[in-house]
Amino acid sequence: MQGHPLDDTVRAVVAQHLDVPADHLTGDASLEELGLDDDTAANVLVAVGEELDVRFPDDFFDGVDTYGQLTSAVRMAIGA
């Protein structure tokens, strides 16, 4: 099943940086449990930003705990 191109981009970047299969990235998947720490979060922000040609604030992950929250936050940040 193919999703929205934005979601596909975010999923690919997060899966690569967390070294997890993309199908583990469900809406309620805990980013922390998948291995997201401060360093990885910074790398994910830069990589997603480069893919989407946007810059995210350093505090972007504040309050973002699940993969679903991350994709929603990215959508809101870029107006998608």
PDB file of N, CA and C in Angstrom:
ATOM      1  N   MET A   1       0.845  -1.177   0.000  1.00  0.00           N
ATOM      2  CA  MET A   1       0.000   0.000   0.000  1.00  0.00           C
ATOM      3  C   MET A   1       0.893   1.244   0.000  1.00  0.00           C
ATOM      4  N   GLN A   2       0.651   2.147  -0.893  1.00  0.00           N
ATOM      5  CA  GLN A   2       1.450   3.350  -0.994  1.00  0.00           C
ATOM      6  C   GLN A   2       0.706   4.508  -0.354  1.00  0.00           C
ATOM      7  N   GLY A   3       1.424   5.283   0.442  1.00  0.00           N
ATOM      8  CA  GLY A   3       0.812   6.399   1.135  1.00  0.00           C
ATOM      9  C   GLY A   3       1.085   7.698   0.412  1.00  0.00           C
ATOM     10  N   HIS A   4       0.853   8.760   1.116  1.00  0.00           N
ATOM     11  CA  HIS A   4       1.118  10.107   0.626  1.00  0.00           C
ATOM     12  C   HIS A   4       2.634  10.263   0.445  1.00  0.00           C
ATOM     13  N   PRO A   5       3.088  10.947  -0.606  1.00  0.00           N
ATOM     14  CA  PRO A   5       4.536  11.111  -0.822  1.00  0.00           C
ATOM     15  C   PRO A   5       5.269  11.713   0.379  1.00  0.00           C
ATOM     16  N   LEU A   6       4.634  12.644   1.078  1.00  0.00           N
ATOM     17  CA  LEU A   6       5.255  13.222   2.270  1.00  0.00           C
ATOM     18  C   LEU A   6       5.463  12.147   3.328  1.00  0.00           C
ATOM     19  N   ASP A   7       4.423  11.353   3.559  1.00  0.00           N
ATOM     20  CA  ASP A   7       4.526  10.276   4.547  1.00  0.00           C
ATOM     21  C   ASP A   7       5.601   9.271   4.141  1.00  0.00           C
ATOM     22  N   ASP A   8       5.670   8.955   2.859  1.00  0.00           N
ATOM     23  CA  ASP A   8       6.673   8.008   2.372  1.00  0.00           C
ATOM     24  C   ASP A   8       8.081   8.539   2.607  1.00  0.00           C
ATOM     25  N   THR A   9       8.276   9.835   2.403  1.00  0.00           N
ATOM     26  CA  THR A   9       9.581  10.457   2.614  1.00  0.00           C
ATOM     27  C   THR A   9       9.966  10.397   4.083  1.00  0.00           C
ATOM     28  N   VAL A  10       9.058  10.814   4.953  1.00  0.00           N
ATOM     29  CA  VAL A  10       9.333  10.802   6.389  1.00  0.00           C
ATOM     30  C   VAL A  10       9.602   9.370   6.846  1.00  0.00           C
ATOM     31  N   ARG A  11       8.792   8.422   6.404  1.00  0.00           N
ATOM     32  CA  ARG A  11       8.952   7.013   6.798  1.00  0.00           C
ATOM     33  C   ARG A  11      10.323   6.492   6.380  1.00  0.00           C
ATOM     34  N   ALA A  12      10.735   6.785   5.159  1.00  0.00           N
ATOM     35  CA  ALA A  12      12.023   6.295   4.666  1.00  0.00           C
ATOM     36  C   ALA A  12      13.182   6.865   5.470  1.00  0.00           C
ATOM     37  N   VAL A  13      13.126   8.165   5.756  1.00  0.00           N
ATOM     38  CA  VAL A  13      14.212   8.806   6.509  1.00  0.00           C
ATOM     39  C   VAL A  13      14.270   8.262   7.935  1.00  0.00           C
ATOM     40  N   VAL A  14      13.125   8.198   8.591  1.00  0.00           N
ATOM     41  CA  VAL A  14      13.101   7.716   9.978  1.00  0.00           C
ATOM     42  C   VAL A  14      13.555   6.259  10.041  1.00  0.00           C
ATOM     43  N   ALA A  15      13.072   5.423   9.144  1.00  0.00           N
ATOM     44  CA  ALA A  15      13.468   4.011   9.129  1.00  0.00           C
ATOM     45  C   ALA A  15      14.975   3.872   8.950  1.00  0.00           C
ATOM     46  N   GLN A  16      15.535   4.675   8.064  1.00  0.00           N
ATOM     47  CA  GLN A  16      16.972   4.610   7.819  1.00  0.00           C
ATOM     48  C   GLN A  16      17.765   5.044   9.055  1.00  0.00           C
ATOM     49  N   HIS A  17      17.386   6.153   9.664  1.00  0.00           N
ATOM     50  CA  HIS A  17      18.144   6.676  10.796  1.00  0.00           C
ATOM     51  C   HIS A  17      17.960   5.864  12.073  1.00  0.00           C
ATOM     52  N   LEU A  18      16.817   5.229  12.222  1.00  0.00           N
ATOM     53  CA  LEU A  18      16.592   4.391  13.403  1.00  0.00           C
ATOM     54  C   LEU A  18      16.950   2.935  13.128  1.00  0.00           C
ATOM     55  N   ASP A  19      17.281   2.644  11.873  1.00  0.00           N
ATOM     56  CA  ASP A  19      17.647   1.285  11.463  1.00  0.00           C
ATOM     57  C   ASP A  19      16.564   0.282  11.849  1.00  0.00           C
ATOM     58  N   VAL A  20      15.329   0.631  11.474  1.00  0.00           N
ATOM     59  CA  VAL A  20      14.183  -0.245  11.715  1.00  0.00           C
ATOM     60  C   VAL A  20      13.444  -0.436  10.396  1.00  0.00           C
ATOM     61  N   PRO A  21      12.738  -1.567  10.245  1.00  0.00           N
ATOM     62  CA  PRO A  21      11.929  -1.750   9.045  1.00  0.00           C
ATOM     63  C   PRO A  21      10.821  -0.696   8.985  1.00  0.00           C
ATOM     64  N   ALA A  22      10.541  -0.192   7.808  1.00  0.00           N
ATOM     65  CA  ALA A  22       9.535   0.855   7.638  1.00  0.00           C
ATOM     66  C   ALA A  22       8.171   0.427   8.166  1.00  0.00           C
ATOM     67  N   ASP A  23       7.852  -0.866   8.090  1.00  0.00           N
ATOM     68  CA  ASP A  23       6.531  -1.307   8.553  1.00  0.00           C
ATOM     69  C   ASP A  23       6.410  -1.272  10.085  1.00  0.00           C
ATOM     70  N   HIS A  24       7.503  -1.026  10.790  1.00  0.00           N
ATOM     71  CA  HIS A  24       7.432  -0.853  12.245  1.00  0.00           C
ATOM     72  C   HIS A  24       6.995   0.562  12.605  1.00  0.00           C
ATOM     73  N   LEU A  25       6.964   1.439  11.619  1.00  0.00           N
ATOM     74  CA  LEU A  25       6.607   2.842  11.859  1.00  0.00           C
ATOM     75  C   LEU A  25       5.109   3.033  11.671  1.00  0.00           C
ATOM     76  N   THR A  26       4.370   2.647  12.699  1.00  0.00           N
ATOM     77  CA  THR A  26       2.924   2.828  12.708  1.00  0.00           C
ATOM     78  C   THR A  26       2.615   4.098  13.494  1.00  0.00           C
ATOM     79  N   GLY A  27       1.402   4.563  13.408  1.00  0.00           N
ATOM     80  CA  GLY A  27       1.018   5.815  14.042  1.00  0.00           C
ATOM     81  C   GLY A  27       1.315   5.890  15.520  1.00  0.00           C
ATOM     82  N   ASP A  28       1.128   4.774  16.237  1.00  0.00           N
ATOM     83  CA  ASP A  28       1.316   4.804  17.684  1.00  0.00           C
ATOM     84  C   ASP A  28       2.673   4.261  18.119  1.00  0.00           C
ATOM     85  N   ALA A  29       3.576   4.031  17.173  1.00  0.00           N
ATOM     86  CA  ALA A  29       4.905   3.523  17.511  1.00  0.00           C
ATOM     87  C   ALA A  29       5.690   4.585  18.283  1.00  0.00           C
ATOM     88  N   SER A  30       6.204   4.200  19.439  1.00  0.00           N
ATOM     89  CA  SER A  30       6.988   5.110  20.268  1.00  0.00           C
ATOM     90  C   SER A  30       8.358   5.327  19.630  1.00  0.00           C
ATOM     91  N   LEU A  31       8.674   6.574  19.343  1.00  0.00           N
ATOM     92  CA  LEU A  31       9.966   6.881  18.743  1.00  0.00           C
ATOM     93  C   LEU A  31      11.108   6.531  19.692  1.00  0.00           C
ATOM     94  N   GLU A  32      10.909   6.762  20.967  1.00  0.00           N
ATOM     95  CA  GLU A  32      11.942   6.429  21.946  1.00  0.00           C
ATOM     96  C   GLU A  32      12.198   4.925  21.965  1.00  0.00           C
ATOM     97  N   GLU A  33      11.132   4.129  21.958  1.00  0.00           N
ATOM     98  CA  GLU A  33      11.292   2.671  21.966  1.00  0.00           C
ATOM     99  C   GLU A  33      11.956   2.171  20.688  1.00  0.00           C
ATOM    100  N   LEU A  34      11.806   2.928  19.600  1.00  0.00           N
ATOM    101  CA  LEU A  34      12.448   2.557  18.344  1.00  0.00           C
ATOM    102  C   LEU A  34      13.902   3.015  18.287  1.00  0.00           C
ATOM    103  N   GLY A  35      14.342   3.748  19.310  1.00  0.00           N
ATOM    104  CA  GLY A  35      15.744   4.132  19.387  1.00  0.00           C
ATOM    105  C   GLY A  35      16.044   5.602  19.163  1.00  0.00           C
ATOM    106  N   LEU A  36      15.015   6.438  19.114  1.00  0.00           N
ATOM    107  CA  LEU A  36      15.248   7.863  18.904  1.00  0.00           C
ATOM    108  C   LEU A  36      15.798   8.491  20.179  1.00  0.00           C
ATOM    109  N   ASP A  37      16.985   9.071  20.073  1.00  0.00           N
ATOM    110  CA  ASP A  37      17.555   9.834  21.176  1.00  0.00           C
ATOM    111  C   ASP A  37      17.843  11.240  20.651  1.00  0.00           C
ATOM    112  N   ASP A  38      18.437  12.084  21.465  1.00  0.00           N
ATOM    113  CA  ASP A  38      18.660  13.475  21.063  1.00  0.00           C
ATOM    114  C   ASP A  38      19.518  13.583  19.801  1.00  0.00           C
ATOM    115  N   ASP A  39      20.587  12.798  19.734  1.00  0.00           N
ATOM    116  CA  ASP A  39      21.469  12.857  18.567  1.00  0.00           C
ATOM    117  C   ASP A  39      20.745  12.388  17.308  1.00  0.00           C
ATOM    118  N   THR A  40      20.028  11.280  17.429  1.00  0.00           N
ATOM    119  CA  THR A  40      19.303  10.754  16.277  1.00  0.00           C
ATOM    120  C   THR A  40      18.202  11.704  15.853  1.00  0.00           C
ATOM    121  N   ALA A  41      17.528  12.324  16.820  1.00  0.00           N
ATOM    122  CA  ALA A  41      16.464  13.277  16.504  1.00  0.00           C
ATOM    123  C   ALA A  41      17.014  14.429  15.668  1.00  0.00           C
ATOM    124  N   ALA A  42      18.181  14.932  16.043  1.00  0.00           N
ATOM    125  CA  ALA A  42      18.796  16.019  15.284  1.00  0.00           C
ATOM    126  C   ALA A  42      19.113  15.572  13.862  1.00  0.00           C
ATOM    127  N   ASN A  43      19.632  14.365  13.715  1.00  0.00           N
ATOM    128  CA  ASN A  43      19.952  13.836  12.384  1.00  0.00           C
ATOM    129  C   ASN A  43      18.699  13.628  11.542  1.00  0.00           C
ATOM    130  N   VAL A  44      17.633  13.137  12.175  1.00  0.00           N
ATOM    131  CA  VAL A  44      16.368  12.930  11.466  1.00  0.00           C
ATOM    132  C   VAL A  44      15.810  14.271  10.998  1.00  0.00           C
ATOM    133  N   LEU A  45      15.860  15.282  11.857  1.00  0.00           N
ATOM    134  CA  LEU A  45      15.355  16.604  11.478  1.00  0.00           C
ATOM    135  C   LEU A  45      16.090  17.156  10.270  1.00  0.00           C
ATOM    136  N   VAL A  46      17.400  17.050  10.288  1.00  0.00           N
ATOM    137  CA  VAL A  46      18.195  17.551   9.164  1.00  0.00           C
ATOM    138  C   VAL A  46      17.870  16.768   7.897  1.00  0.00           C
ATOM    139  N   ALA A  47      17.814  15.450   8.002  1.00  0.00           N
ATOM    140  CA  ALA A  47      17.573  14.616   6.823  1.00  0.00           C
ATOM    141  C   ALA A  47      16.178  14.839   6.238  1.00  0.00           C
ATOM    142  N   VAL A  48      15.165  14.898   7.096  1.00  0.00           N
ATOM    143  CA  VAL A  48      13.804  15.160   6.603  1.00  0.00           C
ATOM    144  C   VAL A  48      13.749  16.547   5.985  1.00  0.00           C
ATOM    145  N   GLY A  49      14.376  17.503   6.648  1.00  0.00           N
ATOM    146  CA  GLY A  49      14.421  18.866   6.120  1.00  0.00           C
ATOM    147  C   GLY A  49      15.070  18.939   4.755  1.00  0.00           C
ATOM    148  N   GLU A  50      16.164  18.209   4.575  1.00  0.00           N
ATOM    149  CA  GLU A  50      16.842  18.199   3.275  1.00  0.00           C
ATOM    150  C   GLU A  50      15.962  17.567   2.204  1.00  0.00           C
ATOM    151  N   GLU A  51      15.293  16.481   2.547  1.00  0.00           N
ATOM    152  CA  GLU A  51      14.418  15.800   1.584  1.00  0.00           C
ATOM    153  C   GLU A  51      13.249  16.687   1.166  1.00  0.00           C
ATOM    154  N   LEU A  52      12.728  17.463   2.108  1.00  0.00           N
ATOM    155  CA  LEU A  52      11.543  18.279   1.846  1.00  0.00           C
ATOM    156  C   LEU A  52      11.884  19.746   1.575  1.00  0.00           C
ATOM    157  N   ASP A  53      13.163  20.071   1.586  1.00  0.00           N
ATOM    158  CA  ASP A  53      13.639  21.436   1.356  1.00  0.00           C
ATOM    159  C   ASP A  53      13.001  22.423   2.331  1.00  0.00           C
ATOM    160  N   VAL A  54      13.107  22.085   3.624  1.00  0.00           N
ATOM    161  CA  VAL A  54      12.563  22.925   4.692  1.00  0.00           C
ATOM    162  C   VAL A  54      13.499  22.829   5.898  1.00  0.00           C
ATOM    163  N   ARG A  55      13.472  23.825   6.742  1.00  0.00           N
ATOM    164  CA  ARG A  55      14.274  23.800   7.974  1.00  0.00           C
ATOM    165  C   ARG A  55      13.320  23.788   9.162  1.00  0.00           C
ATOM    166  N   PHE A  56      13.556  22.852  10.067  1.00  0.00           N
ATOM    167  CA  PHE A  56      12.730  22.720  11.259  1.00  0.00           C
ATOM    168  C   PHE A  56      13.443  23.363  12.445  1.00  0.00           C
ATOM    169  N   PRO A  57      12.685  23.918  13.407  1.00  0.00           N
ATOM    170  CA  PRO A  57      13.317  24.486  14.605  1.00  0.00           C
ATOM    171  C   PRO A  57      13.956  23.382  15.452  1.00  0.00           C
ATOM    172  N   ASP A  58      14.944  23.760  16.239  1.00  0.00           N
ATOM    173  CA  ASP A  58      15.657  22.789  17.071  1.00  0.00           C
ATOM    174  C   ASP A  58      14.737  22.080  18.059  1.00  0.00           C
ATOM    175  N   ASP A  59      13.673  22.750  18.486  1.00  0.00           N
ATOM    176  CA  ASP A  59      12.759  22.150  19.464  1.00  0.00           C
ATOM    177  C   ASP A  59      11.593  21.412  18.801  1.00  0.00           C
ATOM    178  N   PHE A  60      11.747  21.063  17.540  1.00  0.00           N
ATOM    179  CA  PHE A  60      10.671  20.437  16.772  1.00  0.00           C
ATOM    180  C   PHE A  60      10.131  19.173  17.440  1.00  0.00           C
ATOM    181  N   PHE A  61      11.005  18.379  18.054  1.00  0.00           N
ATOM    182  CA  PHE A  61      10.580  17.112  18.649  1.00  0.00           C
ATOM    183  C   PHE A  61       9.948  17.280  20.031  1.00  0.00           C
ATOM    184  N   ASP A  62       9.917  18.494  20.571  1.00  0.00           N
ATOM    185  CA  ASP A  62       9.279  18.703  21.872  1.00  0.00           C
ATOM    186  C   ASP A  62       7.811  18.301  21.781  1.00  0.00           C
ATOM    187  N   GLY A  63       7.408  17.355  22.608  1.00  0.00           N
ATOM    188  CA  GLY A  63       6.022  16.895  22.621  1.00  0.00           C
ATOM    189  C   GLY A  63       5.696  15.859  21.556  1.00  0.00           C
ATOM    190  N   VAL A  64       6.684  15.467  20.771  1.00  0.00           N
ATOM    191  CA  VAL A  64       6.480  14.452  19.739  1.00  0.00           C
ATOM    192  C   VAL A  64       7.024  13.132  20.271  1.00  0.00           C
ATOM    193  N   ASP A  65       6.121  12.206  20.563  1.00  0.00           N
ATOM    194  CA  ASP A  65       6.524  10.933  21.159  1.00  0.00           C
ATOM    195  C   ASP A  65       6.302   9.740  20.246  1.00  0.00           C
ATOM    196  N   THR A  66       5.380   9.858  19.299  1.00  0.00           N
ATOM    197  CA  THR A  66       5.062   8.726  18.431  1.00  0.00           C
ATOM    198  C   THR A  66       5.321   9.080  16.971  1.00  0.00           C
ATOM    199  N   TYR A  67       5.413   8.058  16.167  1.00  0.00           N
ATOM    200  CA  TYR A  67       5.624   8.277  14.742  1.00  0.00           C
ATOM    201  C   TYR A  67       4.451   9.058  14.140  1.00  0.00           C
ATOM    202  N   GLY A  68       3.247   8.772  14.564  1.00  0.00           N
ATOM    203  CA  GLY A  68       2.073   9.493  14.069  1.00  0.00           C
ATOM    204  C   GLY A  68       2.136  10.972  14.405  1.00  0.00           C
ATOM    205  N   GLN A  69       2.577  11.294  15.618  1.00  0.00           N
ATOM    206  CA  GLN A  69       2.736  12.699  15.996  1.00  0.00           C
ATOM    207  C   GLN A  69       3.804  13.371  15.147  1.00  0.00           C
ATOM    208  N   LEU A  70       4.852  12.632  14.826  1.00  0.00           N
ATOM    209  CA  LEU A  70       5.912  13.181  13.987  1.00  0.00           C
ATOM    210  C   LEU A  70       5.395  13.530  12.599  1.00  0.00           C
ATOM    211  N   THR A  71       4.686  12.609  11.967  1.00  0.00           N
ATOM    212  CA  THR A  71       4.186  12.904  10.616  1.00  0.00           C
ATOM    213  C   THR A  71       3.184  14.051  10.647  1.00  0.00           C
ATOM    214  N   SER A  72       2.355  14.113  11.683  1.00  0.00           N
ATOM    215  CA  SER A  72       1.412  15.230  11.805  1.00  0.00           C
ATOM    216  C   SER A  72       2.148  16.552  11.982  1.00  0.00           C
ATOM    217  N   ALA A  73       3.197  16.554  12.809  1.00  0.00           N
ATOM    218  CA  ALA A  73       3.972  17.769  13.038  1.00  0.00           C
ATOM    219  C   ALA A  73       4.678  18.228  11.767  1.00  0.00           C
ATOM    220  N   VAL A  74       5.195  17.277  10.994  1.00  0.00           N
ATOM    221  CA  VAL A  74       5.850  17.638   9.733  1.00  0.00           C
ATOM    222  C   VAL A  74       4.822  18.249   8.774  1.00  0.00           C
ATOM    223  N   ARG A  75       3.667  17.622   8.676  1.00  0.00           N
ATOM    224  CA  ARG A  75       2.608  18.151   7.805  1.00  0.00           C
ATOM    225  C   ARG A  75       2.241  19.586   8.195  1.00  0.00           C
ATOM    226  N   MET A  76       2.059  19.816   9.502  1.00  0.00           N
ATOM    227  CA  MET A  76       1.698  21.148   9.976  1.00  0.00           C
ATOM    228  C   MET A  76       2.811  22.147   9.699  1.00  0.00           C
ATOM    229  N   ALA A  77       4.057  21.722   9.894  1.00  0.00           N
ATOM    230  CA  ALA A  77       5.202  22.631   9.723  1.00  0.00           C
ATOM    231  C   ALA A  77       5.365  23.091   8.286  1.00  0.00           C
ATOM    232  N   ILE A  78       5.002  22.212   7.346  1.00  0.00           N
ATOM    233  CA  ILE A  78       5.188  22.595   5.936  1.00  0.00           C
ATOM    234  C   ILE A  78       3.871  22.955   5.262  1.00  0.00           C
ATOM    235  N   GLY A  79       2.794  22.927   6.038  1.00  0.00           N
ATOM    236  CA  GLY A  79       1.507  23.324   5.483  1.00  0.00           C
ATOM    237  C   GLY A  79       0.901  22.327   4.522  1.00  0.00           C
ATOM    238  N   ALA A  80       1.178  21.045   4.760  1.00  0.00           N
ATOM    239  CA  ALA A  80       0.640  20.001   3.865  1.00  0.00           C
ATOM    240  C   ALA A  80      -0.658  19.440   4.407  1.00  0.00           C
TER     241      ALA A  80
END
